[in-house]
Protein backbone atom coordinates (compact mmCIF):
# COMPACT_ATOMS: atom_id res chain seq x y z
CA MET A 1 98.46 116.71 129.81
CA GLU A 2 96.85 114.59 127.11
CA THR A 3 100.12 113.23 125.75
CA LEU A 4 101.36 112.12 129.16
CA LYS A 5 98.06 110.41 129.88
CA ASN A 6 97.97 108.61 126.54
CA PHE A 7 101.57 107.45 126.45
CA TYR A 8 102.32 106.73 130.11
CA TYR A 9 101.06 103.16 129.85
CA PHE A 10 103.16 102.44 126.78
CA TYR A 11 106.32 103.72 128.46
CA LYS A 12 105.63 102.30 131.92
CA PHE A 13 108.19 99.54 131.53
CA LYS A 14 110.48 101.29 129.02
CA PHE A 15 113.49 101.95 131.25
CA CYS A 16 116.86 102.57 129.63
CA ILE A 17 119.25 100.06 131.19
CA VAL A 18 122.00 100.96 128.70
CA ASP A 19 122.93 104.19 126.96
CA THR A 20 121.22 104.82 123.65
CA ARG A 21 123.43 105.69 120.69
CA TRP A 22 122.33 108.72 118.68
CA ILE A 23 122.83 108.01 114.99
CA LEU A 24 122.55 111.06 112.76
CA ASN A 25 121.06 110.27 109.37
CA LYS A 26 123.60 110.09 106.58
CA SER A 27 124.08 113.26 104.58
CA VAL A 28 122.02 113.58 101.45
CA ASP A 29 122.79 114.92 97.98
CA LYS A 30 123.02 118.70 98.36
CA GLN A 31 122.03 119.26 94.74
CA GLN A 32 118.83 117.26 95.22
CA VAL A 33 118.05 119.27 98.35
CA ASP A 34 118.60 122.55 96.49
CA GLU A 35 116.31 121.41 93.67
CA ILE A 36 113.52 120.56 96.14
CA VAL A 37 113.98 123.93 97.88
CA LYS A 38 113.59 125.67 94.54
CA ALA A 39 110.72 123.50 93.27
CA LEU A 40 108.59 123.67 96.43
CA GLY A 41 109.64 126.97 97.97
CA ILE A 42 110.43 125.39 101.32
CA ASP A 43 113.44 125.69 103.63
CA GLU A 44 116.51 123.48 103.47
CA ASN A 45 115.61 121.47 106.57
CA LEU A 46 112.25 120.39 105.17
CA ALA A 47 113.81 119.66 101.79
CA THR A 48 116.43 117.47 103.48
CA LEU A 49 113.70 115.49 105.25
CA LEU A 50 112.02 114.86 101.90
CA VAL A 51 115.23 113.72 100.18
CA GLN A 52 115.90 111.38 103.12
CA ARG A 53 112.52 109.80 102.32
CA GLY A 54 113.48 109.34 98.66
CA ILE A 55 111.50 112.32 97.42
CA THR A 56 113.71 114.22 95.00
CA THR A 57 111.36 115.74 92.39
CA PHE A 58 108.30 117.95 92.31
CA ASP A 59 106.13 115.09 91.03
CA GLU A 60 107.27 112.77 93.82
CA ALA A 61 106.56 115.48 96.36
CA LYS A 62 103.10 116.01 94.89
CA ILE A 63 102.31 112.30 95.34
CA PHE A 64 103.69 112.40 98.89
CA PHE A 65 101.84 115.51 100.01
CA ARG A 66 98.66 114.82 98.05
CA PRO A 67 97.85 111.10 98.38
CA ALA A 68 95.12 110.05 95.95
CA LEU A 69 93.09 106.86 95.66
CA THR A 70 93.98 106.85 91.98
CA GLN A 71 97.52 105.94 93.09
CA LEU A 72 96.30 102.48 94.20
CA HIS A 73 97.27 99.45 92.12
CA ASP A 74 94.82 97.37 90.12
CA PRO A 75 93.78 94.50 92.45
CA TYR A 76 93.85 92.09 89.52
CA LEU A 77 97.63 92.39 89.52
CA MET A 78 97.56 90.10 92.56
CA LYS A 79 97.97 86.41 91.73
CA ASP A 80 94.71 84.40 91.96
CA MET A 81 92.52 87.49 92.23
CA ASP A 82 90.52 86.56 89.13
CA ARG A 83 89.94 83.06 90.54
CA ALA A 84 88.84 84.48 93.90
CA VAL A 85 86.33 86.85 92.30
CA ASP A 86 85.02 84.13 89.98
CA ARG A 87 84.32 81.90 92.99
CA ILE A 88 82.52 84.65 94.92
CA VAL A 89 80.37 85.50 91.91
CA GLN A 90 79.55 81.80 91.58
CA ALA A 91 78.48 81.72 95.24
CA ILE A 92 76.28 84.78 94.74
CA ASP A 93 74.67 83.40 91.58
CA ASN A 94 74.02 79.99 93.13
CA GLY A 95 72.74 81.27 96.47
CA GLU A 96 75.47 79.42 98.39
CA LYS A 97 76.27 80.02 102.05
CA LEU A 98 79.41 82.05 102.73
CA LEU A 99 81.55 82.08 105.89
CA ILE A 100 83.94 84.96 106.57
CA TYR A 101 86.77 83.58 108.71
CA GLY A 102 89.43 85.73 110.36
CA ASP A 103 92.20 85.86 112.92
CA TYR A 104 91.42 87.14 116.43
CA ASP A 105 93.74 90.18 116.43
CA VAL A 106 92.97 93.72 115.21
CA ASP A 107 94.04 92.99 111.64
CA GLY A 108 91.88 89.88 111.47
CA THR A 109 88.78 91.33 113.12
CA THR A 110 88.84 94.54 111.07
CA ALA A 111 89.32 92.42 107.93
CA VAL A 112 86.29 90.29 108.81
CA ALA A 113 84.20 93.38 109.53
CA LEU A 114 85.27 95.00 106.24
CA VAL A 115 84.64 91.99 103.99
CA TYR A 116 81.42 90.99 105.79
CA THR A 117 80.05 94.55 105.56
CA TYR A 118 80.64 94.67 101.82
CA LEU A 119 79.50 91.15 100.93
CA LYS A 120 76.37 90.96 103.10
CA LYS A 121 74.41 92.95 100.49
CA PHE A 122 74.80 90.03 98.04
CA PHE A 123 73.59 87.28 100.39
CA LYS A 124 70.40 86.67 102.32
CA LYS A 125 70.72 87.13 106.06
CA LYS A 126 71.11 83.44 106.95
CA LYS A 127 73.42 82.81 104.00
CA ILE A 128 76.42 84.75 105.36
CA GLU A 129 78.15 84.52 108.74
CA PHE A 130 81.51 85.31 110.26
CA TYR A 131 83.73 83.03 112.33
CA ILE A 132 86.63 83.92 114.63
CA PRO A 133 88.60 80.97 116.08
CA ASP A 134 88.98 80.79 119.85
CA ARG A 135 92.54 81.72 120.79
CA TYR A 136 92.69 79.08 123.53
CA ASP A 137 90.63 76.24 122.07
CA GLU A 138 91.62 76.48 118.39
CA GLY A 139 94.78 78.56 118.29
CA TYR A 140 95.98 80.79 115.48
CA GLY A 141 94.80 80.48 111.90
CA ILE A 142 92.46 78.12 110.10
CA SER A 143 91.40 75.37 112.52
CA PHE A 144 89.98 71.89 111.98
CA LYS A 145 87.11 72.92 114.26
CA GLY A 146 86.34 75.90 112.02
CA ILE A 147 86.38 73.71 108.92
CA ASP A 148 84.04 71.22 110.61
CA TYR A 149 81.70 74.09 111.51
CA ALA A 150 81.61 75.20 107.88
CA ALA A 151 81.00 71.67 106.57
CA GLU A 152 78.34 70.79 109.12
CA ASN A 153 76.44 74.03 108.47
CA ASP A 154 76.56 73.77 104.67
CA PHE A 155 79.00 76.64 104.04
CA LYS A 156 80.40 75.79 100.63
CA LEU A 157 82.78 78.76 100.55
CA VAL A 158 85.00 80.26 103.25
CA ILE A 159 87.02 83.46 102.88
CA ALA A 160 89.94 83.32 105.33
CA LEU A 161 91.43 86.67 106.29
CA ASP A 162 94.82 87.45 107.85
CA CYS A 163 95.67 83.75 108.03
CA GLY A 164 95.95 80.58 105.97
CA ILE A 165 99.12 80.95 103.91
CA LYS A 166 100.74 77.98 105.69
CA ALA A 167 97.56 75.94 106.31
CA VAL A 168 98.45 73.20 103.81
CA GLU A 169 97.06 70.26 105.81
CA ARG A 170 93.96 72.12 106.91
CA ILE A 171 93.06 73.19 103.38
CA GLN A 172 93.52 69.60 102.23
CA TYR A 173 91.11 68.55 104.99
CA ALA A 174 88.64 71.26 103.90
CA ASN A 175 88.80 70.03 100.32
CA GLU A 176 88.02 66.51 101.51
CA ARG A 177 84.99 67.87 103.35
CA GLY A 178 83.75 69.78 100.30
CA VAL A 179 84.53 73.28 101.63
CA ASP A 180 86.21 75.73 99.25
CA PHE A 181 88.60 78.35 100.65
CA ILE A 182 89.76 81.73 99.42
CA ILE A 183 92.82 82.73 101.46
CA CYS A 184 93.63 86.40 102.00
CA ASP A 185 96.90 86.65 103.91
CA HIS A 186 99.99 88.84 104.13
CA HIS A 187 102.38 86.62 106.07
CA ARG A 188 105.31 84.79 104.54
CA ALA A 189 104.50 81.61 102.67
CA GLY A 190 106.05 78.25 103.50
CA ASP A 191 107.58 75.85 101.02
CA GLU A 192 104.14 74.81 99.77
CA ILE A 193 101.13 76.96 98.90
CA PRO A 194 97.82 75.54 100.21
CA ALA A 195 95.57 74.00 97.54
CA ALA A 196 92.77 76.52 98.03
CA VAL A 197 90.55 77.87 95.26
CA ALA A 198 92.57 81.09 95.46
CA VAL A 199 95.48 82.23 97.63
CA LEU A 200 95.84 86.01 97.75
CA ASP A 201 99.10 87.05 99.38
CA PRO A 202 101.45 89.66 97.90
CA LYS A 203 104.33 87.99 99.74
CA ARG A 204 103.93 84.61 98.07
CA PRO A 205 107.03 84.11 95.88
CA ASP A 206 105.11 83.80 92.62
CA CYS A 207 102.98 86.92 93.13
CA THR A 208 104.12 89.99 91.18
CA TYR A 209 101.77 92.47 92.86
CA PRO A 210 103.78 95.75 93.02
CA TYR A 211 103.27 96.48 96.74
CA LYS A 212 104.21 93.77 99.23
CA GLU A 213 103.35 95.37 102.59
CA LEU A 214 99.54 95.28 102.72
CA SER A 215 97.95 94.23 106.00
CA GLY A 216 95.64 91.22 106.08
CA CYS A 217 92.72 93.65 106.05
CA GLY A 218 94.39 95.37 103.09
CA VAL A 219 94.30 92.12 101.10
CA GLY A 220 90.60 91.76 102.00
CA PHE A 221 90.06 95.34 100.79
CA LYS A 222 91.71 94.46 97.49
CA LEU A 223 89.38 91.47 97.13
CA VAL A 224 86.19 93.49 97.57
CA THR A 225 87.61 96.20 95.29
CA ALA A 226 88.15 93.60 92.58
CA LEU A 227 84.61 92.26 93.08
CA SER A 228 83.22 95.78 92.81
CA MET A 229 85.09 96.28 89.56
CA ARG A 230 83.80 92.96 88.18
CA LEU A 231 80.19 93.82 89.07
CA LYS A 232 80.61 97.43 87.87
CA LEU A 233 79.42 98.83 91.20
CA PRO A 234 80.30 102.27 92.66
CA ILE A 235 83.78 102.25 94.16
CA ASP A 236 82.58 104.70 96.83
CA GLU A 237 80.84 101.80 98.57
CA VAL A 238 84.22 100.12 98.95
CA ASN A 239 86.03 103.28 100.01
CA GLU A 240 83.52 103.77 102.84
CA LEU A 241 85.34 100.87 104.54
CA LEU A 242 88.71 102.62 104.66
CA ASP A 243 88.28 103.55 108.32
CA LEU A 244 88.50 99.86 109.24
CA LEU A 245 91.54 99.46 107.02
CA ALA A 246 93.32 102.42 108.64
CA VAL A 247 92.89 100.81 112.07
CA SER A 248 94.35 97.58 110.68
CA ILE A 249 97.36 99.31 109.12
CA ALA A 250 98.15 101.16 112.33
CA ALA A 251 97.62 98.30 114.77
CA ASP A 252 99.47 95.68 112.69
CA ILE A 253 102.53 97.98 112.44
CA VAL A 254 102.91 97.53 108.68
CA PRO A 255 104.94 100.15 106.77
CA ILE A 256 103.03 103.33 106.04
CA THR A 257 104.51 103.68 102.60
CA GLY A 258 103.13 103.31 99.08
CA GLU A 259 99.57 102.04 99.04
CA ASN A 260 99.38 101.79 102.82
CA ARG A 261 100.09 105.50 103.13
CA VAL A 262 97.27 106.35 100.73
CA LEU A 263 94.87 103.94 102.45
CA ALA A 264 95.79 105.17 105.94
CA TYR A 265 95.49 108.81 104.86
CA TYR A 266 91.93 108.41 103.58
CA GLY A 267 90.96 106.07 106.39
CA LEU A 268 92.03 108.68 108.93
CA LYS A 269 90.08 111.36 107.07
CA GLN A 270 86.98 109.20 107.34
CA LEU A 271 87.55 108.46 111.02
CA ASN A 272 87.93 112.15 111.76
CA LYS A 273 84.88 113.11 109.73
CA LYS A 274 82.38 110.34 110.51
CA PRO A 275 83.52 107.37 112.60
CA ARG A 276 81.26 104.30 112.41
CA PRO A 277 79.17 103.70 115.57
CA GLY A 278 81.49 101.01 116.94
CA ILE A 279 84.60 103.13 116.66
CA GLU A 280 82.70 106.18 117.89
CA ALA A 281 81.80 104.20 121.01
CA ILE A 282 85.44 103.18 121.56
CA LEU A 283 86.50 106.81 121.22
CA GLN A 284 83.93 107.87 123.81
CA HIS A 285 85.44 105.43 126.31
CA ALA A 286 88.86 106.87 125.48
CA ASN A 287 87.51 110.41 126.03
CA ILE A 288 88.32 111.42 122.47
CA TYR A 289 84.72 111.73 121.35
CA ARG A 290 82.33 114.12 123.02
CA ARG A 291 78.78 113.20 122.12
CA GLU A 292 76.38 116.15 122.16
CA GLU A 293 72.69 115.61 122.73
CA ASP A 294 70.75 116.57 119.62
CA PRO A 295 67.02 115.85 119.40
CA ASP A 296 67.19 115.94 115.60
CA ARG A 297 70.14 113.56 115.42
CA VAL A 298 69.55 110.30 113.54
CA ASP A 299 70.88 107.32 115.50
CA GLY A 300 74.10 106.13 113.91
CA GLU A 301 74.94 109.56 112.46
CA SER A 302 78.14 111.21 113.66
CA ASP A 303 78.13 114.56 115.45
CA ASN A 304 81.66 115.36 114.28
CA ALA A 305 82.37 115.93 117.97
CA LEU A 306 85.94 114.67 118.15
CA THR A 307 87.81 116.61 120.82
CA ARG A 308 90.86 116.60 118.54
CA GLU A 309 92.04 115.12 115.26
CA LEU A 310 92.90 111.43 115.38
CA THR A 311 96.38 110.25 114.39
CA ILE A 312 97.96 106.88 113.68
CA SER A 313 99.19 106.86 117.29
CA ASP A 314 95.58 107.02 118.50
CA LEU A 315 94.72 103.97 116.40
CA VAL A 316 97.75 102.13 117.80
CA PHE A 317 97.37 103.05 121.48
CA LEU A 318 93.67 103.79 121.99
CA ILE A 319 91.57 101.90 119.45
CA GLY A 320 93.76 98.88 118.66
CA PRO A 321 94.25 97.62 122.23
CA ARG A 322 90.52 97.77 122.94
CA ILE A 323 89.65 95.80 119.81
CA ASN A 324 92.40 93.33 120.67
CA ALA A 325 91.28 92.93 124.28
CA ALA A 326 88.21 90.84 123.41
CA GLY A 327 90.28 88.17 121.68
CA ARG A 328 93.00 88.23 124.33
CA ILE A 329 90.67 87.80 127.31
CA ASP A 330 87.34 86.52 125.96
CA LYS A 331 85.86 86.21 122.45
CA ALA A 332 87.21 88.21 119.50
CA SER A 333 83.80 87.86 117.85
CA ASP A 334 82.62 90.59 120.24
CA SER A 335 85.03 93.01 118.56
CA VAL A 336 83.61 92.14 115.15
CA ARG A 337 80.07 92.71 116.45
CA LEU A 338 81.17 96.10 117.75
CA LEU A 339 82.68 97.07 114.40
CA LEU A 340 79.52 95.91 112.61
CA ALA A 341 77.13 97.72 114.98
CA GLU A 342 74.77 100.10 113.20
CA LYS A 343 73.07 101.73 116.19
CA HIS A 344 74.95 103.91 118.64
CA GLU A 345 73.34 102.61 121.84
CA HIS A 346 74.08 99.00 120.89
CA ALA A 347 77.67 99.93 120.05
CA LEU A 348 78.08 101.74 123.35
CA LYS A 349 77.05 98.64 125.32
CA LEU A 350 79.44 96.43 123.37
CA ALA A 351 82.24 98.97 123.78
CA ALA A 352 81.67 99.16 127.55
CA ASN A 353 82.22 95.41 127.84
CA ILE A 354 85.33 95.54 125.67
CA ASN A 355 86.67 98.46 127.69
CA GLU A 356 86.37 96.34 130.84
CA LEU A 357 88.21 93.51 129.12
CA ASN A 358 90.93 95.98 128.18
CA ASP A 359 91.28 96.99 131.84
CA THR A 360 91.65 93.30 132.73
CA ARG A 361 94.23 92.89 129.98
CA ARG A 362 96.24 95.79 131.40
CA GLU A 363 96.28 94.26 134.86
CA LEU A 364 97.39 90.91 133.45
CA ASP A 365 100.21 92.17 131.28
CA ASN A 366 101.44 94.54 134.01
CA GLY A 367 101.62 91.66 136.47
CA ILE A 368 103.21 89.19 134.05
CA THR A 369 105.75 91.77 132.86
CA GLU A 370 106.80 92.39 136.44
CA GLU A 371 107.11 88.63 137.06
CA ALA A 372 109.17 88.20 133.90
CA LEU A 373 111.52 91.07 134.74
CA ASN A 374 112.07 89.62 138.20
CA MET A 375 112.67 86.16 136.73
CA ILE A 376 115.38 87.50 134.43
CA ALA A 377 116.95 89.65 137.18
CA ASP A 378 117.23 86.61 139.45
CA ASP A 379 118.80 84.32 136.83
CA GLU A 380 122.41 85.07 135.87
CA GLU A 381 122.22 83.00 132.68
CA LEU A 382 119.08 84.83 131.50
CA ARG A 383 120.56 88.21 132.43
CA ASN A 384 123.72 87.64 130.44
CA ALA A 385 122.16 86.01 127.37
CA ARG A 386 121.88 87.79 124.03
CA SER A 387 118.26 86.66 123.70
CA THR A 388 115.37 86.22 126.08
CA VAL A 389 113.42 82.95 125.97
CA ILE A 390 111.29 82.80 129.09
CA PHE A 391 108.59 80.32 130.12
CA ASN A 392 105.87 80.10 132.75
CA GLU A 393 103.03 77.68 132.21
CA ASN A 394 100.61 79.83 134.23
CA TRP A 395 100.96 83.02 132.20
CA HIS A 396 97.89 84.16 130.27
CA LYS A 397 98.26 83.30 126.60
CA GLY A 398 96.33 86.37 125.52
CA VAL A 399 98.91 88.89 126.74
CA ILE A 400 102.28 87.19 126.20
CA GLY A 401 102.80 89.13 122.96
CA ILE A 402 102.49 92.41 124.84
CA VAL A 403 104.85 91.12 127.53
CA ALA A 404 107.37 90.11 124.86
CA SER A 405 107.25 93.66 123.48
CA ARG A 406 107.87 95.15 126.92
CA LEU A 407 110.80 92.84 127.63
CA THR A 408 112.28 93.71 124.23
CA ASP A 409 112.00 97.40 125.10
CA TYR A 410 113.66 96.82 128.48
CA TYR A 411 116.57 94.57 127.51
CA TYR A 412 116.74 95.38 123.79
CA ARG A 413 117.27 91.87 122.49
CA PRO A 414 115.21 89.28 120.58
CA THR A 415 112.58 87.95 122.96
CA ILE A 416 110.21 84.99 123.12
CA VAL A 417 107.66 84.58 125.91
CA LEU A 418 106.22 81.08 126.32
CA THR A 419 103.27 79.64 128.20
CA ARG A 420 101.26 76.42 128.17
CA ALA A 421 98.20 75.99 125.97
CA ASN A 422 96.61 72.57 126.49
CA ASP A 423 99.31 70.00 125.63
CA LEU A 424 101.63 72.42 123.83
CA ILE A 425 103.91 75.29 124.76
CA THR A 426 102.96 78.37 122.78
CA GLY A 427 104.76 81.66 122.49
CA SER A 428 105.05 85.13 121.02
CA ALA A 429 108.29 86.54 119.64
CA ARG A 430 109.43 90.15 119.21
CA SER A 431 112.63 91.46 117.67
CA ILE A 432 114.93 94.47 117.57
CA LYS A 433 115.92 96.74 114.72
CA ASN A 434 117.19 95.02 111.58
CA PHE A 435 117.06 91.50 113.03
CA ASP A 436 114.78 88.94 111.38
CA ILE A 437 113.33 86.88 114.20
CA TYR A 438 111.28 84.83 111.73
CA ASP A 439 114.52 83.49 110.23
CA ALA A 440 115.88 82.72 113.70
CA ILE A 441 112.77 80.72 114.58
CA ASP A 442 112.80 79.01 111.18
CA HIS A 443 116.35 77.83 111.97
CA CYS A 444 114.84 75.86 114.89
CA SER A 445 111.69 74.79 113.04
CA ASP A 446 112.35 71.06 113.43
CA LEU A 447 111.58 71.53 117.15
CA LEU A 448 108.27 73.27 116.46
CA GLU A 449 104.72 72.18 115.79
CA HIS A 450 103.82 75.46 114.13
CA PHE A 451 105.21 78.94 113.56
CA GLY A 452 104.49 81.99 111.45
CA GLY A 453 104.78 85.74 111.36
CA HIS A 454 106.99 88.60 110.22
CA LYS A 455 110.54 89.91 110.51
CA TYR A 456 109.82 91.62 113.83
CA ALA A 457 106.99 89.54 115.32
CA ALA A 458 106.04 85.88 115.21
CA GLY A 459 104.12 83.13 116.96
CA LEU A 460 105.19 79.55 117.61
CA SER A 461 104.26 76.35 119.41
CA MET A 462 106.24 73.28 120.47
CA ARG A 463 106.07 70.20 122.66
CA PRO A 464 107.13 70.70 126.30
CA GLU A 465 110.15 68.44 125.96
CA ASN A 466 111.60 70.72 123.25
CA VAL A 467 111.67 73.97 125.24
CA ASP A 468 115.19 73.65 126.65
CA GLU A 469 116.71 72.61 123.33
CA PHE A 470 114.85 75.39 121.53
CA ARG A 471 116.17 77.95 124.02
CA ARG A 472 119.74 76.66 123.54
CA ARG A 473 119.61 76.69 119.73
CA PHE A 474 117.81 80.02 119.51
CA GLU A 475 120.44 81.63 121.75
CA ALA A 476 123.23 80.09 119.66
CA TYR A 477 121.69 81.52 116.48
CA ILE A 478 121.44 84.98 118.08
CA CYS A 479 125.07 84.85 119.25
CA GLU A 480 126.15 83.95 115.73
CA HIS A 481 124.12 86.62 113.96
CA LEU A 482 124.07 89.62 116.34
CA THR A 483 127.13 91.52 117.55
CA ALA A 484 127.36 93.19 120.95
CA GLU A 485 127.15 96.59 119.22
CA GLU A 486 123.88 95.63 117.52
CA LEU A 487 122.41 94.90 120.97
CA VAL A 488 122.85 98.54 121.99
CA PRO A 489 119.70 100.53 121.13
CA GLU A 490 120.03 103.25 118.53
CA LEU A 491 118.09 106.45 118.20
CA GLU A 492 118.02 107.49 114.56
CA VAL A 493 118.10 111.26 114.20
CA ASP A 494 116.95 112.92 111.00
CA LEU A 495 118.37 116.41 111.47
CA LYS A 496 120.24 118.74 113.75
CA ILE A 497 118.28 121.98 114.01
CA ASN A 498 118.06 125.10 116.14
CA PHE A 499 114.94 126.25 117.93
CA ARG A 500 114.76 129.31 115.69
CA ASP A 501 114.21 126.94 112.73
CA ILE A 502 110.87 125.86 114.22
CA THR A 503 108.52 128.41 112.66
CA ALA A 504 104.80 128.37 111.98
CA LYS A 505 105.44 127.64 108.28
CA PHE A 506 107.88 124.86 109.20
CA MET A 507 105.23 123.19 111.38
CA ARG A 508 102.46 123.69 108.83
CA ILE A 509 104.45 121.77 106.22
CA LEU A 510 105.83 119.21 108.66
CA THR A 511 102.33 118.14 109.69
CA GLN A 512 101.68 117.27 106.05
CA PHE A 513 104.34 114.56 106.27
CA ALA A 514 101.77 112.54 108.23
CA PRO A 515 100.43 109.89 108.57
CA PHE A 516 103.52 108.73 110.41
CA GLY A 517 104.48 105.14 111.05
CA PRO A 518 107.01 102.51 109.96
CA GLY A 519 108.68 103.60 106.73
CA ASN A 520 107.60 107.20 107.32
CA THR A 521 108.38 107.84 110.95
CA ALA A 522 107.89 111.22 112.58
CA PRO A 523 111.16 113.13 112.12
CA VAL A 524 113.53 113.08 115.09
CA PHE A 525 115.46 116.33 115.65
CA TRP A 526 118.64 116.99 117.62
CA SER A 527 119.32 120.32 119.30
CA ASP A 528 122.34 121.29 121.43
CA ASN A 529 122.93 123.88 124.15
CA ILE A 530 119.46 123.56 125.66
CA VAL A 531 118.82 125.02 129.11
CA ASP A 532 115.94 125.20 131.53
CA ALA A 533 113.83 128.32 131.00
CA GLY A 534 112.61 128.21 134.58
CA GLY A 535 109.44 126.14 134.40
CA SER A 536 110.67 122.55 134.17
CA ARG A 537 109.34 120.15 136.80
CA PRO A 538 109.02 116.42 137.52
CA VAL A 539 105.62 114.81 136.93
CA GLY A 540 104.07 111.36 137.18
CA GLY A 541 105.48 110.60 140.60
CA HIS A 542 108.84 112.11 139.61
CA LYS A 543 109.26 109.51 136.83
CA HIS A 544 108.88 111.97 133.97
CA LEU A 545 109.81 115.57 133.18
CA LYS A 546 107.61 118.41 132.01
CA LEU A 547 110.09 120.74 130.39
CA THR A 548 110.16 124.45 129.68
CA VAL A 549 113.37 125.08 127.72
CA ARG A 550 115.21 127.46 125.45
CA GLN A 551 118.42 127.35 123.44
CA GLN A 552 121.51 129.28 124.52
CA GLY A 553 122.26 132.18 122.18
CA ASP A 554 118.65 132.29 120.97
CA ASP A 555 116.01 134.88 121.77
CA GLU A 556 115.14 134.26 125.42
CA ARG A 557 111.46 134.58 124.52
CA ASN A 558 111.72 131.60 122.17
CA VAL A 559 110.71 129.03 124.80
CA PHE A 560 109.31 125.55 124.14
CA SER A 561 107.37 123.14 126.31
CA GLY A 562 108.26 119.46 126.26
CA ILE A 563 107.61 116.09 127.85
CA ALA A 564 110.42 113.61 128.60
CA PHE A 565 109.23 110.20 129.73
CA GLN A 566 111.35 108.23 132.24
CA LYS A 567 113.76 111.16 132.64
CA GLY A 568 112.65 112.38 136.06
CA ASP A 569 116.04 111.49 137.57
CA LEU A 570 117.66 114.27 135.47
CA PHE A 571 115.59 117.08 136.98
CA ALA A 572 118.22 118.33 139.42
CA ARG A 573 120.88 118.76 136.72
CA ILE A 574 118.45 120.41 134.32
CA HIS A 575 117.08 122.70 137.03
CA SER A 576 120.62 123.77 137.92
CA GLY A 577 120.96 125.47 134.53
CA GLU A 578 123.49 123.00 133.10
CA PRO A 579 123.22 122.87 129.27
CA PHE A 580 122.30 119.60 127.58
CA SER A 581 121.35 118.13 124.21
CA ILE A 582 117.98 116.63 123.29
CA CYS A 583 116.49 114.43 120.61
CA TYR A 584 112.78 114.96 120.06
CA ASN A 585 109.71 114.84 117.86
CA LEU A 586 107.64 117.94 117.29
CA GLU A 587 103.96 117.44 118.03
CA TYR A 588 100.81 119.19 119.15
CA ASN A 589 99.52 118.66 122.67
CA TYR A 590 95.78 118.86 123.35
CA TRP A 591 94.72 119.75 126.88
CA GLN A 592 91.50 121.29 128.18
CA GLY A 593 90.50 122.55 124.75
CA LYS A 594 93.86 124.18 124.06
CA THR A 595 96.37 123.14 121.40
CA THR A 596 100.05 123.86 121.96
CA LEU A 597 103.27 122.86 120.25
CA GLN A 598 105.50 120.64 122.36
CA LEU A 599 108.72 118.68 122.14
CA ASN A 600 108.26 114.95 122.72
CA VAL A 601 111.77 114.31 124.05
CA LYS A 602 113.19 110.88 123.21
CA ASP A 603 116.53 111.25 124.98
CA ILE A 604 118.66 113.74 126.91
CA LYS A 605 122.46 113.76 127.03
CA PHE A 606 124.94 115.91 128.91
CA LYS A 607 128.44 116.70 127.66
CA GLU A 608 130.10 113.65 129.24
CA ASN A 609 127.63 111.25 127.55
CA PHE A 610 129.01 111.88 124.07
């Protein structure tokens, strides 16, 4: 069971401690649905899904179903892009040394690999390097140590990726040391924009770039696209880097809408057709790539031997964590070296080391999550709070973000996990649906040394003496801005359908809604009067259910397989023949060379639960 194997780890700690509310998507304009049915020749259910996504005309549907690179915006619409390109051209013409600087997470390391790969052709070997700050020694973002390294090694220009938008003091220091910076970021700006040569960030208030949700790697991609246009070079050389960008988009959980959807679509196509050696090696360790021995094969050339087609979920759960593991446990520069590897054997050795680090990371975050859950369970104040702010100075800094995500899943409330890093307390924050945790942290910013991030995820640091006051004020802010009802998890349902609606044509068109992700999530369906068809059984130590089900009143031969994580306790009632309702995604399961349609069940309710 490929799906069970791939997703068990993600759901290991995702227990439902409160009932989930099923929220059926608001009804849509029936006339718009009818027009889409007529224009595209599809059924009403599929047309409704499109209208829910804001697609109401044939032309909009064409753009949605047929993403094209021509739909991308001109990179020069981004503020400071012309200044950034001018400075890079100056560095090329003058033979200056260039340092590519990036954050240690997936977005940062893929961005460094992308920009370095493109720019290295313009610089002699010793004139271009990359630099990833040490998570523990330097912390997040542009560091004084990194600036000193650039100055002392005669790097006149630094391109900072996935960081820098709030590095006002550090950029001032760099200017004093004679080091120019181009900042490529996608986080929210502070009150002051750093005085760099160029600051590329679609979220800066004075930037009118049409699409605001690029990843950090996406901003780097726009920079090299603009340089290619300036130098009148083939755009295909830039587009060959889209596989790295797709990994960034998936792992950084940015919306897969607009430009990101186009970029992810073509990046996935490239990954499925010819993954670069480093990613190929990661896929081999994840058992997704079967390398065949071929005496005529050129080293570095793909065999197209993927055991199945990659999806965004694979980038999130299989590739992303392995790339991240190096920076969490050891040196993120190892991930960049893997992504830059040109020979398969070299990539395989690097990937083996990173895979071991990922195993270590799993052990650490499993252990810390268990400690944190026990800490909350044993503390009445923590249990009854509307937020979770939890601290242990011995927890590993590299995994506290993962732990924060798991605690948020478990208790469904804004969560911050803190640990000690040298003389400061540092933490990772995660939020729940529709709550801006960045604003909540900003409300307490006078207690902080540094913070930054997004609506749903952020990082912060403070002095030890401020922890208790921060916890008090953060909780007060949550109590003021979140109602008890908002702290009950919701499951958004797109449509109620019957099993007989799930036809081959329906599935053929539904798969074209991909790539799925934030802003274009896989549709969730609701079906009632479901009963066991005789083959359901508990799996995974009785934690999960492998279902074989049909719908009452339907053809008894119309049976579907399904997987329901963390629902093993419902087996007896389901096996008894009692009818129930389910919410689910439709997906394909790949197992032992066979592909079958299955229901990925999100929740199960019996009559008394409604």
